[in-house]
Protein backbone atom coordinates (compact mmCIF):
# COMPACT_ATOMS: atom_id res chain seq x y z
CA UNK A 1 -74.58 123.51 65.32
CA UNK A 2 -76.95 121.34 64.10
CA UNK A 3 -78.54 118.18 65.41
CA UNK A 4 -81.27 115.49 64.74
CA UNK A 5 -82.35 112.72 65.27
CA UNK A 6 -83.14 108.72 64.18
CA UNK A 7 -84.06 105.21 65.13
CA UNK A 8 -80.16 104.17 63.28
CA UNK A 9 -77.50 105.44 61.78
CA UNK A 10 -75.73 103.87 59.79
CA UNK A 11 -71.59 104.71 58.59
CA UNK A 12 -71.30 103.85 55.45
CA UNK A 13 -73.04 104.10 51.96
CA UNK A 14 -70.87 100.74 50.69
CA UNK A 15 -72.95 97.83 49.31
CA UNK A 16 -73.33 96.38 53.01
CA UNK A 17 -74.19 99.23 54.34
CA UNK A 18 -77.09 99.63 51.67
CA UNK A 19 -78.13 96.79 52.37
CA UNK A 20 -78.57 96.93 56.01
CA UNK A 21 -80.50 100.28 55.40
CA UNK A 22 -82.21 98.16 52.40
CA UNK A 23 -83.50 95.16 55.18
CA UNK A 24 -84.18 98.00 57.86
CA UNK A 25 -86.93 99.55 55.98
CA UNK A 26 -88.03 95.99 54.58
CA UNK A 27 -89.16 95.05 58.40
CA UNK A 28 -90.38 98.75 59.15
CA UNK A 29 -87.63 100.88 60.64
CA UNK A 30 -87.59 103.55 58.60
CA UNK A 31 -86.16 106.28 60.47
CA UNK A 32 -82.87 105.12 59.70
CA UNK A 33 -79.91 107.13 58.44
CA UNK A 34 -77.22 106.81 56.01
CA UNK A 35 -74.71 108.81 56.05
CA UNK A 36 -71.84 108.05 53.35
CA UNK A 37 -68.72 110.61 53.26
CA UNK A 38 -68.71 110.66 48.80
CA UNK A 39 -71.70 108.50 47.01
CA UNK A 40 -72.97 105.40 47.42
CA UNK A 41 -70.74 102.91 46.33
CA UNK A 42 -68.06 105.24 45.33
CA UNK A 43 -64.96 102.89 47.54
CA UNK A 44 -64.47 99.19 47.28
CA UNK A 45 -67.79 98.33 46.89
CA UNK A 46 -66.94 99.34 43.18
CA UNK A 47 -63.97 96.89 42.35
CA UNK A 48 -65.65 93.13 43.38
CA UNK A 49 -65.30 90.86 40.97
CA UNK A 50 -68.64 89.80 41.24
CA UNK A 51 -68.98 86.54 41.53
CA UNK A 52 -72.32 84.57 43.14
CA UNK A 53 -71.44 81.30 43.82
CA UNK A 54 -72.41 78.82 47.47
CA UNK A 55 -69.31 77.04 47.50
CA UNK A 56 -68.50 77.92 51.07
CA UNK A 57 -67.65 75.35 53.12
CA UNK A 58 -68.98 77.43 55.99
CA UNK A 59 -72.39 76.79 56.75
CA UNK A 60 -73.82 79.67 57.53
CA UNK A 61 -71.89 81.45 54.89
CA UNK A 62 -73.30 78.95 52.18
CA UNK A 63 -76.73 79.33 53.02
CA UNK A 64 -76.07 83.85 53.31
CA UNK A 65 -74.81 83.12 49.88
CA UNK A 66 -78.30 81.09 48.98
CA UNK A 67 -80.37 84.27 50.25
CA UNK A 68 -77.77 86.05 48.08
CA UNK A 69 -78.44 84.18 45.21
CA UNK A 70 -82.30 84.10 46.13
CA UNK A 71 -82.40 88.33 45.86
CA UNK A 72 -80.13 88.39 42.91
CA UNK A 73 -82.52 86.03 40.75
CA UNK A 74 -85.89 88.25 41.67
CA UNK A 75 -84.02 91.40 41.51
CA UNK A 76 -86.62 92.90 39.06
CA UNK A 77 -89.75 91.41 41.74
CA UNK A 78 -87.84 93.07 44.30
CA UNK A 79 -85.94 95.97 42.81
CA UNK A 80 -88.09 96.26 39.94
CA UNK A 81 -84.93 97.30 37.70
CA UNK A 82 -81.51 94.78 36.23
CA UNK A 83 -79.06 94.84 38.73
CA UNK A 84 -76.57 93.25 36.28
CA UNK A 85 -77.05 89.43 37.52
CA UNK A 86 -76.35 87.18 34.90
CA UNK A 87 -76.92 83.68 36.06
CA UNK A 88 -74.15 81.92 33.30
CA UNK A 89 -73.56 78.91 35.80
CA UNK A 90 -70.25 78.47 37.95
CA UNK A 91 -68.39 75.72 37.76
CA UNK A 92 -65.25 74.68 40.34
CA UNK A 93 -61.76 72.26 39.49
CA UNK A 94 -60.27 70.28 42.51
CA UNK A 95 -56.91 68.12 42.14
CA UNK A 96 -56.73 64.53 43.58
CA UNK A 97 -55.93 65.80 47.15
CA UNK A 98 -58.96 67.86 47.33
CA UNK A 99 -61.41 65.51 46.51
CA UNK A 100 -62.81 64.84 50.14
CA UNK A 101 -63.08 67.36 50.71
CA UNK A 102 -65.16 68.22 47.74
CA UNK A 103 -67.55 66.43 48.31
CA UNK A 104 -68.40 66.48 52.07
CA UNK A 105 -68.45 70.49 51.38
CA UNK A 106 -70.73 69.90 48.50
CA UNK A 107 -73.31 68.18 50.68
CA UNK A 108 -73.31 70.14 53.35
CA UNK A 109 -74.15 72.70 51.36
CA UNK A 110 -77.30 70.71 50.26
CA UNK A 111 -77.91 69.65 53.52
CA UNK A 112 -78.60 74.24 54.00
CA UNK A 113 -80.24 74.06 50.63
CA UNK A 114 -77.44 75.23 47.90
CA UNK A 115 -78.28 73.48 44.53
CA UNK A 116 -74.85 71.30 43.09
CA UNK A 117 -73.92 68.45 42.03
CA UNK A 118 -70.52 67.22 41.17
CA UNK A 119 -70.70 66.53 37.05
CA UNK A 120 -68.00 65.27 34.81
CA UNK A 121 -65.06 66.21 33.25
CA UNK A 122 -66.41 66.33 29.08
CA UNK A 123 -69.61 68.18 30.29
CA UNK A 124 -67.18 71.21 31.74
CA UNK A 125 -64.70 69.89 28.64
CA UNK A 126 -68.68 71.13 27.25
CA UNK A 127 -68.68 74.42 28.93
CA UNK A 128 -65.26 75.62 27.83
CA UNK A 129 -63.90 73.95 25.17
CA UNK A 130 -60.64 75.20 25.35
CA UNK A 131 -59.38 74.77 28.79
CA UNK A 132 -56.74 71.67 29.30
CA UNK A 133 -59.00 70.15 32.30
CA UNK A 134 -56.18 66.43 32.92
CA UNK A 135 -55.28 68.58 35.74
CA UNK A 136 -58.36 67.46 37.72
CA UNK A 137 -59.98 65.60 39.37
CA UNK A 138 -63.46 66.16 40.28
CA UNK A 139 -65.90 69.11 39.20
CA UNK A 140 -68.73 71.60 41.23
CA UNK A 141 -71.26 72.31 39.47
CA UNK A 142 -74.38 75.47 40.75
CA UNK A 143 -76.32 76.19 37.77
CA UNK A 144 -77.81 78.72 39.33
CA UNK A 145 -74.59 80.27 39.79
CA UNK A 146 -72.56 83.43 38.28
CA UNK A 147 -71.86 86.50 38.55
CA UNK A 148 -73.34 90.41 39.55
CA UNK A 149 -72.26 94.11 39.48
CA UNK A 150 -72.07 95.59 42.76
CA UNK A 151 -71.84 98.66 42.32
CA UNK A 152 -75.64 98.29 40.22
CA UNK A 153 -76.98 96.32 42.95
CA UNK A 154 -75.80 98.66 46.28
CA UNK A 155 -77.65 101.04 43.94
CA UNK A 156 -81.06 99.73 43.96
CA UNK A 157 -80.80 98.90 47.87
CA UNK A 158 -80.18 102.85 48.74
CA UNK A 159 -82.88 103.73 46.16
CA UNK A 160 -85.63 101.42 47.47
CA UNK A 161 -84.46 102.10 50.57
CA UNK A 162 -85.29 105.47 50.09
CA UNK A 163 -88.09 104.60 48.24
CA UNK A 164 -89.20 103.46 52.06
CA UNK A 165 -88.12 106.50 54.19
CA UNK A 166 -84.76 106.30 55.00
CA UNK A 167 -83.09 108.81 54.46
CA UNK A 168 -78.87 108.63 52.45
CA UNK A 169 -77.10 111.61 53.06
CA UNK A 170 -74.09 111.65 50.93
CA UNK A 171 -70.61 113.86 51.36
CA UNK A 172 -71.39 113.79 54.89
CA UNK A 173 -68.61 111.84 56.91
CA UNK A 174 -68.70 110.57 60.06
CA UNK A 175 -66.01 112.07 62.23
CA UNK A 176 -67.29 110.99 65.80
CA UNK A 177 -69.18 108.46 67.68
CA UNK A 178 -71.53 109.86 70.48
CA UNK A 179 -70.39 107.75 73.99
CA UNK A 180 -72.42 107.27 76.76
CA UNK A 181 -70.67 105.65 79.34
CA UNK A 182 -71.40 101.92 77.55
CA UNK A 183 -73.91 102.90 75.65
CA UNK A 184 -73.57 104.97 72.11
CA UNK A 185 -75.39 107.67 71.50
CA UNK A 186 -74.95 108.83 68.03
CA UNK A 187 -72.89 110.14 65.63
CA UNK A 188 -70.66 113.51 64.69
CA UNK A 189 -70.96 114.43 60.75
CA UNK A 190 -67.77 116.73 59.59
CA UNK A 191 -69.80 119.92 59.37
CA UNK A 192 -70.67 119.18 63.33
CA UNK A 193 -74.27 117.84 62.76
CA UNK A 194 -75.06 115.80 65.70
CA UNK A 195 -77.15 112.86 64.97
CA UNK A 196 -78.57 111.40 67.90
CA UNK A 197 -79.70 107.33 67.47
CA UNK A 198 -80.65 104.08 70.15
CA UNK A 199 -78.22 102.03 67.14
CA UNK A 200 -75.29 102.38 65.43
CA UNK A 201 -74.21 100.71 62.57
CA UNK A 202 -70.60 100.92 61.22
CA UNK A 203 -70.21 99.08 57.67
CA UNK A 204 -66.55 101.02 56.91
CA UNK A 205 -65.41 98.21 55.10
CA UNK A 206 -61.16 98.56 54.93
CA UNK A 207 -62.37 101.75 57.05
CA UNK A 208 -63.04 100.55 59.99
CA UNK A 209 -60.18 98.87 62.37
CA UNK A 210 -58.88 102.87 62.56
CA UNK A 211 -62.93 104.00 63.03
CA UNK A 212 -63.15 101.98 65.93
CA UNK A 213 -59.98 102.15 67.50
CA UNK A 214 -60.73 104.95 69.47
CA UNK A 215 -63.86 103.79 71.58
CA UNK A 216 -61.80 100.70 72.49
CA UNK A 217 -63.26 98.48 69.69
CA UNK A 218 -60.83 96.12 67.68
CA UNK A 219 -61.88 94.88 64.46
CA UNK A 220 -58.66 92.59 63.59
CA UNK A 221 -58.83 93.81 59.92
CA UNK A 222 -56.17 93.24 57.44
CA UNK A 223 -56.48 95.73 54.34
CA UNK A 224 -55.04 92.78 51.78
CA UNK A 225 -54.62 94.94 47.71
CA UNK A 226 -56.47 92.58 44.74
CA UNK A 227 -55.55 93.04 41.83
CA UNK A 228 -57.81 92.19 38.69
CA UNK A 229 -57.10 91.41 35.12
CA UNK A 230 -59.66 91.83 31.84
CA UNK A 231 -58.54 90.40 29.17
CA UNK A 232 -60.08 89.66 25.44
CA UNK A 233 -60.24 86.49 24.89
CA UNK A 234 -59.26 86.65 20.56
CA UNK A 235 -62.55 84.78 19.77
CA UNK A 236 -66.35 85.07 20.93
CA UNK A 237 -66.34 82.52 24.30
CA UNK A 238 -70.55 82.59 24.34
CA UNK A 239 -72.29 82.00 27.31
CA UNK A 240 -69.56 80.15 29.64
CA UNK A 241 -70.07 79.38 33.29
CA UNK A 242 -67.55 81.52 35.72
CA UNK A 243 -64.12 78.47 36.23
CA UNK A 244 -63.15 78.37 39.87
CA UNK A 245 -60.11 76.80 40.03
CA UNK A 246 -58.42 75.38 41.97
CA UNK A 247 -56.05 73.82 40.69
CA UNK A 248 -53.99 76.36 39.96
CA UNK A 249 -55.86 78.85 41.87
CA UNK A 250 -57.26 81.01 39.76
CA UNK A 251 -61.16 81.86 38.77
CA UNK A 252 -62.65 83.56 35.71
CA UNK A 253 -65.49 84.12 34.59
CA UNK A 254 -67.54 86.19 31.11
CA UNK A 255 -67.99 90.39 31.18
CA UNK A 256 -70.74 91.15 29.62
CA UNK A 257 -68.88 93.00 26.76
CA UNK A 258 -67.43 89.85 25.89
CA UNK A 259 -63.74 89.97 27.47
CA UNK A 260 -62.61 87.08 30.93
CA UNK A 261 -62.18 88.39 34.21
CA UNK A 262 -59.36 86.66 36.15
CA UNK A 263 -59.15 86.61 40.00
CA UNK A 264 -55.65 85.31 41.08
CA UNK A 265 -56.39 82.94 44.50
CA UNK A 266 -54.04 82.12 45.86
CA UNK A 267 -54.29 83.95 49.34
CA UNK A 268 -50.40 82.33 50.60
CA UNK A 269 -48.50 86.06 49.89
CA UNK A 270 -50.68 88.63 50.17
CA UNK A 271 -50.56 92.22 49.66
CA UNK A 272 -50.92 94.79 53.03
CA UNK A 273 -52.41 97.78 51.44
CA UNK A 274 -53.30 101.22 52.55
CA UNK A 275 -57.09 101.63 51.79
CA UNK A 276 -56.21 105.87 50.36
CA UNK A 277 -53.51 106.03 49.14
CA UNK A 278 -52.48 101.92 46.69
CA UNK A 279 -52.29 101.16 43.11
CA UNK A 280 -55.29 100.79 40.87
CA UNK A 281 -53.50 98.76 38.65
CA UNK A 282 -52.10 95.29 38.28
CA UNK A 283 -48.30 95.56 38.49
CA UNK A 284 -45.97 93.98 36.09
CA UNK A 285 -45.91 90.96 38.27
CA UNK A 286 -49.47 90.22 38.50
CA UNK A 287 -49.63 90.67 34.37
CA UNK A 288 -46.89 87.71 34.00
CA UNK A 289 -48.34 85.91 36.63
CA UNK A 290 -51.84 85.86 34.38
CA UNK A 291 -50.40 85.74 31.20
CA UNK A 292 -48.35 82.11 32.86
CA UNK A 293 -51.87 80.87 34.55
CA UNK A 294 -54.40 81.54 32.13
CA UNK A 295 -51.62 80.28 29.22
CA UNK A 296 -50.94 76.72 31.08
CA UNK A 297 -54.94 76.19 31.76
CA UNK A 298 -56.30 77.81 28.73
CA UNK A 299 -54.41 76.33 25.67
CA UNK A 300 -57.16 77.18 22.78
CA UNK A 301 -56.72 80.96 23.18
CA UNK A 302 -54.21 81.53 21.44
CA UNK A 303 -54.46 85.33 20.57
CA UNK A 304 -55.26 86.39 23.78
CA UNK A 305 -54.65 89.76 25.13
CA UNK A 306 -54.79 91.24 28.90
CA UNK A 307 -56.53 94.60 27.56
CA UNK A 308 -57.23 96.51 31.27
CA UNK A 309 -56.51 96.02 34.90
CA UNK A 310 -58.32 97.04 38.14
CA UNK A 311 -57.00 97.32 42.00
CA UNK A 312 -58.98 97.05 45.32
CA UNK A 313 -59.01 96.28 48.41
CA UNK A 314 -60.36 92.96 50.66
CA UNK A 315 -61.18 93.96 54.48
CA UNK A 316 -59.42 91.18 55.55
CA UNK A 317 -59.88 89.48 58.95
CA UNK A 318 -57.66 86.63 60.95
CA UNK A 319 -60.20 83.46 59.64
CA UNK A 320 -60.99 85.48 56.12
CA UNK A 321 -64.77 86.09 57.66
CA UNK A 322 -67.10 88.78 58.45
CA UNK A 323 -67.73 90.60 61.08
CA UNK A 324 -71.60 91.20 61.46
CA UNK A 325 -72.34 91.67 65.02
CA UNK A 326 -72.92 93.97 68.51
CA UNK A 327 -70.27 95.16 70.22
CA UNK A 328 -68.46 95.92 74.14
CA UNK A 329 -70.64 99.39 73.97
CA UNK A 330 -74.27 98.95 73.71
CA UNK A 331 -76.01 99.58 70.07
CA UNK A 332 -73.20 100.16 69.02
CA UNK A 333 -73.13 97.24 65.13
CA UNK A 334 -70.51 96.55 63.36
CA UNK A 335 -70.23 94.69 59.61
CA UNK A 336 -67.46 94.57 58.20
CA UNK A 337 -64.30 92.87 57.62
CA UNK A 338 -65.81 90.83 54.27
CA UNK A 339 -62.45 89.16 52.82
CA UNK A 340 -63.95 88.97 49.30
CA UNK A 341 -67.57 87.31 50.37
CA UNK A 342 -69.15 90.63 50.38
CA UNK A 343 -71.32 90.60 47.62
CA UNK A 344 -72.72 87.22 46.90
CA UNK A 345 -73.78 87.81 50.50
CA UNK A 346 -75.20 90.87 50.73
CA UNK A 347 -78.27 90.40 51.10
CA UNK A 348 -77.95 88.47 53.89
CA UNK A 349 -75.91 90.83 55.96
CA UNK A 350 -78.29 93.25 55.39
CA UNK A 351 -81.11 90.95 57.22
CA UNK A 352 -78.81 89.74 59.49
CA UNK A 353 -77.36 92.91 60.74
CA UNK A 354 -81.99 93.56 61.09
CA UNK A 355 -82.25 91.33 63.02
CA UNK A 356 -79.52 92.30 65.43
CA UNK A 357 -81.01 95.80 65.21
CA UNK A 358 -84.60 94.78 66.39
CA UNK A 359 -84.39 91.58 67.68
CA UNK A 360 -80.88 90.91 68.74
CA UNK A 361 -80.46 87.92 67.31
CA UNK A 362 -81.20 85.93 63.77
CA UNK A 363 -84.37 84.95 62.55
CA UNK A 364 -82.51 82.17 59.81
CA UNK A 365 -81.88 79.90 61.83
CA UNK A 366 -79.07 78.37 59.31
CA UNK A 367 -76.96 81.79 59.73
CA UNK A 368 -76.45 81.89 63.72
CA UNK A 369 -75.19 85.11 64.39
CA UNK A 370 -72.31 83.67 67.06
CA UNK A 371 -70.81 82.76 63.57
CA UNK A 372 -70.37 86.46 63.37
CA UNK A 373 -69.04 87.56 66.14
CA UNK A 374 -66.36 89.61 67.15
CA UNK A 375 -65.19 87.93 69.93
CA UNK A 376 -64.03 84.50 68.28
CA UNK A 377 -60.88 85.88 67.69
CA UNK A 378 -60.45 87.01 71.30
CA UNK A 379 -62.00 84.23 72.21
CA UNK A 380 -59.43 81.70 70.01
CA UNK A 381 -62.33 80.64 68.33
CA UNK A 382 -62.10 81.11 65.03
CA UNK A 383 -64.58 80.74 61.68
CA UNK A 384 -62.72 77.86 59.83
CA UNK A 385 -64.30 75.85 56.83
CA UNK A 386 -64.01 71.92 57.74
CA UNK A 387 -63.25 71.40 54.37
CA UNK A 388 -60.57 72.97 54.20
CA UNK A 389 -59.01 72.90 50.35
CA UNK A 390 -55.50 72.13 49.21
CA UNK A 391 -53.56 76.11 48.71
CA UNK A 392 -57.12 77.97 48.31
CA UNK A 393 -56.69 79.73 51.60
CA UNK A 394 -60.28 80.03 54.06
CA UNK A 395 -62.60 81.10 50.38
CA UNK A 396 -64.18 78.19 50.65
């Protein structure tokens, strides 16, 4: 048996673990070991649909998305490379029952620094001339929104952290936490290596609940399968924005090769899954749903054809918002349960984890750490939008 030491061990080298390592290194904490069982970003990170928006009714989440946006916009300066962010803009459309909620949500978003506004149908029709917009009563617009590449972003975080002195160890599964009384003292790897550390950050996404349950820490996460379909629109569509349709509950965004990506926003009937054993292709029923929804909303795509599909898993909490929190074991921090929000807020997640490690509290008043505390579930104090949309669940 060999032994090592680190100030901080991060369990999991996905997007959020890599973001935490990057943020710690930015604050001068570089005696950090990221332990990833496979390779950086090899889990659910690469399955993200990559939407970049700040449209959230939960103000702290909207603020986190603005932090993420600022990092994405300045990626060349921060990371010295393209991380895949494309600033196409983001438009959201709602029906009559949701107009008041949207307007209140936009105002709350502006209060935490989101650049968003209401626009009219003629402006949306100019951007999306193939769409039937008759069902919509109002639209929100973020000119700075768009989409990105979660895998490239995770790699950029990891490369930057490594350059600062962080150790990123791939093919190194953590099998156990080392506990002494009521505090964590490190981790044990699959090869028997023990790494002593004052702080351990668990960023293991869909695998978090079974990993922590043996230590009496229950992070209430359900693993939900999410299906994505890629569509050839049948004609060049040019530079179109991401379109979030909260009437028929779908979202589409352009792909760099001219295709469009379709995702379903109807969360009323989620499919639970085993993150180690699930179908990586859309089902026939989901393909039929895609055809129906795209055909209804985009009648101008007369020659559209489905080209491919894939699936990933969300790590979903009861309120569809993440846990970024200290736990009942001193020195143990968890960052999981991102419920589909993880990509766009990843830079802010990293910074909040760094704040918890170094200061014990958030450095950004717009993003109180209490919002994301694990104990809120036992306290029946869930983090929910005060401006919910009919049928759209907690995703906005």
